[in-house]
Amino acid sequence: MFKHPHIVRTERGGIVVVAPVGEFDISSVEMLRSTFLDATSETNNKVVVDLSATTFLDSMALGTMLGVSRRVNGWGGWVRVAAPQPNVRKVLRITGLDKVFALYDTLDQAVAHQELDHIQPDQLTGA
């Protein structure tokens, strides 16, 4: 059964979570772009894109993800990618975007990594 693409937007621990569901191509990329624009700001500049329910991303959708990354990086934030399905992970690898975005196997891992942002380097080494 075909489902129209849609986006679930939530927040976890001060991190914006954007979860595109379905296929995102030229016909649905504006929905993705507007969600990112509405969800991010100078104070909401940490984003996890949960791709666990995303079955396809075309170049326009990938470009939209790059655009939001540039935007939030300018505000001192970041974009992380969580749980891409194998075919989507392959597209990220082929395009080199797996080197641009921090990839996590699960949403929980991507969100939990936030805790490391508040730990000083000497706390990690025990020095």
C-alpha atoms as a PDB file:
ATOM      1  CA  MET A   1       0.000   0.000   0.000  1.00  0.00           C
ATOM      2  CA  PHE A   2       1.451   3.368  -1.055  1.00  0.00           C
ATOM      3  CA  LYS A   3       1.683   6.063   1.586  1.00  0.00           C
ATOM      4  CA  HIS A   4       2.205   9.684   0.713  1.00  0.00           C
ATOM      5  CA  PRO A   5       5.488  11.029   2.015  1.00  0.00           C
ATOM      6  CA  HIS A   6       5.208  12.948   5.245  1.00  0.00           C
ATOM      7  CA  ILE A   7       7.459  14.193   8.011  1.00  0.00           C
ATOM      8  CA  VAL A   8       7.310  13.628  11.733  1.00  0.00           C
ATOM      9  CA  ARG A   9       8.956  16.415  13.721  1.00  0.00           C
ATOM     10  CA  THR A  10       9.744  16.029  17.407  1.00  0.00           C
ATOM     11  CA  GLU A  11      12.243  17.231  19.957  1.00  0.00           C
ATOM     12  CA  ARG A  12      14.424  15.182  22.288  1.00  0.00           C
ATOM     13  CA  GLY A  13      16.534  16.859  24.909  1.00  0.00           C
ATOM     14  CA  GLY A  14      16.748  20.152  23.035  1.00  0.00           C
ATOM     15  CA  ILE A  15      17.548  18.432  19.743  1.00  0.00           C
ATOM     16  CA  VAL A  16      15.211  18.818  16.779  1.00  0.00           C
ATOM     17  CA  VAL A  17      14.377  15.417  15.261  1.00  0.00           C
ATOM     18  CA  VAL A  18      13.098  15.441  11.688  1.00  0.00           C
ATOM     19  CA  ALA A  19      11.910  12.056  10.427  1.00  0.00           C
ATOM     20  CA  PRO A  20      10.980  11.938   6.729  1.00  0.00           C
ATOM     21  CA  VAL A  21       8.678   8.994   6.018  1.00  0.00           C
ATOM     22  CA  GLY A  22       8.566   7.531   2.497  1.00  0.00           C
ATOM     23  CA  GLU A  23      10.194   8.718  -0.718  1.00  0.00           C
ATOM     24  CA  PHE A  24      11.529  12.243  -1.007  1.00  0.00           C
ATOM     25  CA  ASP A  25      12.112  13.515  -4.501  1.00  0.00           C
ATOM     26  CA  ILE A  26      11.416  16.664  -6.479  1.00  0.00           C
ATOM     27  CA  SER A  27       7.676  16.357  -5.821  1.00  0.00           C
ATOM     28  CA  SER A  28       8.040  16.301  -2.023  1.00  0.00           C
ATOM     29  CA  VAL A  29      11.290  18.136  -1.352  1.00  0.00           C
ATOM     30  CA  GLU A  30       9.545  21.447  -0.601  1.00  0.00           C
ATOM     31  CA  MET A  31       7.857  19.771   2.373  1.00  0.00           C
ATOM     32  CA  LEU A  32      11.286  18.734   3.641  1.00  0.00           C
ATOM     33  CA  ARG A  33      12.785  22.168   3.058  1.00  0.00           C
ATOM     34  CA  SER A  34       9.954  24.001   4.828  1.00  0.00           C
ATOM     35  CA  THR A  35      10.088  21.599   7.776  1.00  0.00           C
ATOM     36  CA  PHE A  36      13.798  22.284   8.236  1.00  0.00           C
ATOM     37  CA  LEU A  37      13.242  26.042   7.939  1.00  0.00           C
ATOM     38  CA  ASP A  38      10.402  25.987  10.479  1.00  0.00           C
ATOM     39  CA  ALA A  39      12.252  23.685  12.888  1.00  0.00           C
ATOM     40  CA  THR A  40      15.625  25.428  13.042  1.00  0.00           C
ATOM     41  CA  SER A  41      16.813  28.747  14.386  1.00  0.00           C
ATOM     42  CA  GLU A  42      19.866  30.222  16.081  1.00  0.00           C
ATOM     43  CA  THR A  43      18.713  28.576  19.318  1.00  0.00           C
ATOM     44  CA  ASN A  44      17.331  25.360  17.721  1.00  0.00           C
ATOM     45  CA  ASN A  45      20.496  24.516  15.812  1.00  0.00           C
ATOM     46  CA  LYS A  46      21.036  20.851  16.654  1.00  0.00           C
ATOM     47  CA  VAL A  47      19.233  18.501  14.279  1.00  0.00           C
ATOM     48  CA  VAL A  48      18.983  14.751  13.905  1.00  0.00           C
ATOM     49  CA  VAL A  49      17.511  13.522  10.632  1.00  0.00           C
ATOM     50  CA  ASP A  50      15.954  10.138  11.382  1.00  0.00           C
ATOM     51  CA  LEU A  51      15.990   8.195   8.112  1.00  0.00           C
ATOM     52  CA  SER A  52      14.667   4.918   9.532  1.00  0.00           C
ATOM     53  CA  ALA A  53      11.408   5.265   7.574  1.00  0.00           C
ATOM     54  CA  THR A  54      12.876   7.012   4.517  1.00  0.00           C
ATOM     55  CA  THR A  55      12.880   4.735   1.499  1.00  0.00           C
ATOM     56  CA  PHE A  56      14.379   7.108  -1.093  1.00  0.00           C
ATOM     57  CA  LEU A  57      16.170  10.463  -1.266  1.00  0.00           C
ATOM     58  CA  ASP A  58      16.907  12.133  -4.581  1.00  0.00           C
ATOM     59  CA  SER A  59      19.553  14.784  -5.209  1.00  0.00           C
ATOM     60  CA  MET A  60      17.116  17.570  -4.348  1.00  0.00           C
ATOM     61  CA  ALA A  61      16.422  16.040  -0.928  1.00  0.00           C
ATOM     62  CA  LEU A  62      20.129  15.512  -0.320  1.00  0.00           C
ATOM     63  CA  GLY A  63      20.752  19.134  -1.287  1.00  0.00           C
ATOM     64  CA  THR A  64      18.103  20.215   1.190  1.00  0.00           C
ATOM     65  CA  MET A  65      19.883  18.301   3.938  1.00  0.00           C
ATOM     66  CA  LEU A  66      23.153  19.998   2.979  1.00  0.00           C
ATOM     67  CA  GLY A  67      21.423  23.368   3.051  1.00  0.00           C
ATOM     68  CA  VAL A  68      20.102  22.913   6.579  1.00  0.00           C
ATOM     69  CA  SER A  69      23.522  21.683   7.659  1.00  0.00           C
ATOM     70  CA  ARG A  70      25.175  24.868   6.374  1.00  0.00           C
ATOM     71  CA  ARG A  71      22.493  26.943   8.047  1.00  0.00           C
ATOM     72  CA  VAL A  72      22.799  25.403  11.517  1.00  0.00           C
ATOM     73  CA  ASN A  73      26.603  25.130  11.295  1.00  0.00           C
ATOM     74  CA  GLY A  74      26.619  28.902  10.852  1.00  0.00           C
ATOM     75  CA  TRP A  75      24.815  29.141  14.184  1.00  0.00           C
ATOM     76  CA  GLY A  76      27.255  26.783  15.893  1.00  0.00           C
ATOM     77  CA  GLY A  77      25.016  23.726  15.537  1.00  0.00           C
ATOM     78  CA  TRP A  78      25.103  20.466  13.615  1.00  0.00           C
ATOM     79  CA  VAL A  79      23.110  17.894  11.652  1.00  0.00           C
ATOM     80  CA  ARG A  80      23.393  14.189  12.376  1.00  0.00           C
ATOM     81  CA  VAL A  81      21.846  11.374  10.380  1.00  0.00           C
ATOM     82  CA  ALA A  82      20.291   8.400  12.163  1.00  0.00           C
ATOM     83  CA  ALA A  83      19.265   4.931  11.039  1.00  0.00           C
ATOM     84  CA  PRO A  84      19.423   5.183   7.251  1.00  0.00           C
ATOM     85  CA  GLN A  85      18.028   2.122   5.510  1.00  0.00           C
ATOM     86  CA  PRO A  86      20.619   0.177   3.469  1.00  0.00           C
ATOM     87  CA  ASN A  87      19.614   1.697   0.128  1.00  0.00           C
ATOM     88  CA  VAL A  88      19.668   5.230   1.558  1.00  0.00           C
ATOM     89  CA  ARG A  89      22.990   4.573   3.311  1.00  0.00           C
ATOM     90  CA  LYS A  90      24.379   3.444  -0.061  1.00  0.00           C
ATOM     91  CA  VAL A  91      23.313   6.733  -1.672  1.00  0.00           C
ATOM     92  CA  LEU A  92      24.965   8.659   1.168  1.00  0.00           C
ATOM     93  CA  ARG A  93      28.154   6.636   0.663  1.00  0.00           C
ATOM     94  CA  ILE A  94      28.199   6.984  -3.157  1.00  0.00           C
ATOM     95  CA  THR A  95      27.665  10.752  -2.953  1.00  0.00           C
ATOM     96  CA  GLY A  96      30.289  11.164  -0.225  1.00  0.00           C
ATOM     97  CA  LEU A  97      27.729  12.561   2.199  1.00  0.00           C
ATOM     98  CA  ASP A  98      28.625   9.870   4.704  1.00  0.00           C
ATOM     99  CA  LYS A  99      31.768  11.959   5.218  1.00  0.00           C
ATOM    100  CA  VAL A 100      29.784  15.203   5.574  1.00  0.00           C
ATOM    101  CA  PHE A 101      27.177  14.016   8.073  1.00  0.00           C
ATOM    102  CA  ALA A 102      27.837  12.064  11.250  1.00  0.00           C
ATOM    103  CA  LEU A 103      25.944   8.783  10.708  1.00  0.00           C
ATOM    104  CA  TYR A 104      24.469   6.762  13.566  1.00  0.00           C
ATOM    105  CA  ASP A 105      22.838   3.360  13.478  1.00  0.00           C
ATOM    106  CA  THR A 106      19.975   4.459  15.735  1.00  0.00           C
ATOM    107  CA  LEU A 107      18.158   7.617  16.710  1.00  0.00           C
ATOM    108  CA  ASP A 108      19.034   6.984  20.350  1.00  0.00           C
ATOM    109  CA  GLN A 109      22.750   6.929  19.500  1.00  0.00           C
ATOM    110  CA  ALA A 110      22.525  10.207  17.581  1.00  0.00           C
ATOM    111  CA  VAL A 111      20.652  11.909  20.406  1.00  0.00           C
ATOM    112  CA  ALA A 112      22.826  10.401  23.156  1.00  0.00           C
ATOM    113  CA  HIS A 113      25.960  11.745  21.467  1.00  0.00           C
ATOM    114  CA  GLN A 114      24.701  15.188  22.530  1.00  0.00           C
ATOM    115  CA  GLU A 115      25.842  14.378  26.043  1.00  0.00           C
ATOM    116  CA  LEU A 116      29.457  14.303  24.817  1.00  0.00           C
ATOM    117  CA  ASP A 117      29.153  17.951  23.747  1.00  0.00           C
ATOM    118  CA  HIS A 118      29.028  18.938  27.420  1.00  0.00           C
ATOM    119  CA  ILE A 119      31.977  16.822  28.601  1.00  0.00           C
ATOM    120  CA  GLN A 120      35.373  18.458  28.784  1.00  0.00           C
ATOM    121  CA  PRO A 121      38.224  16.595  27.007  1.00  0.00           C
ATOM    122  CA  ASP A 122      40.006  15.913  30.317  1.00  0.00           C
ATOM    123  CA  GLN A 123      36.859  14.162  31.601  1.00  0.00           C
ATOM    124  CA  LEU A 124      37.034  11.727  28.690  1.00  0.00           C
ATOM    125  CA  THR A 125      40.649  10.791  29.374  1.00  0.00           C
ATOM    126  CA  GLY A 126      40.352  10.833  33.128  1.00  0.00           C
ATOM    127  CA  ALA A 127      43.203  13.367  33.357  1.00  0.00           C
END
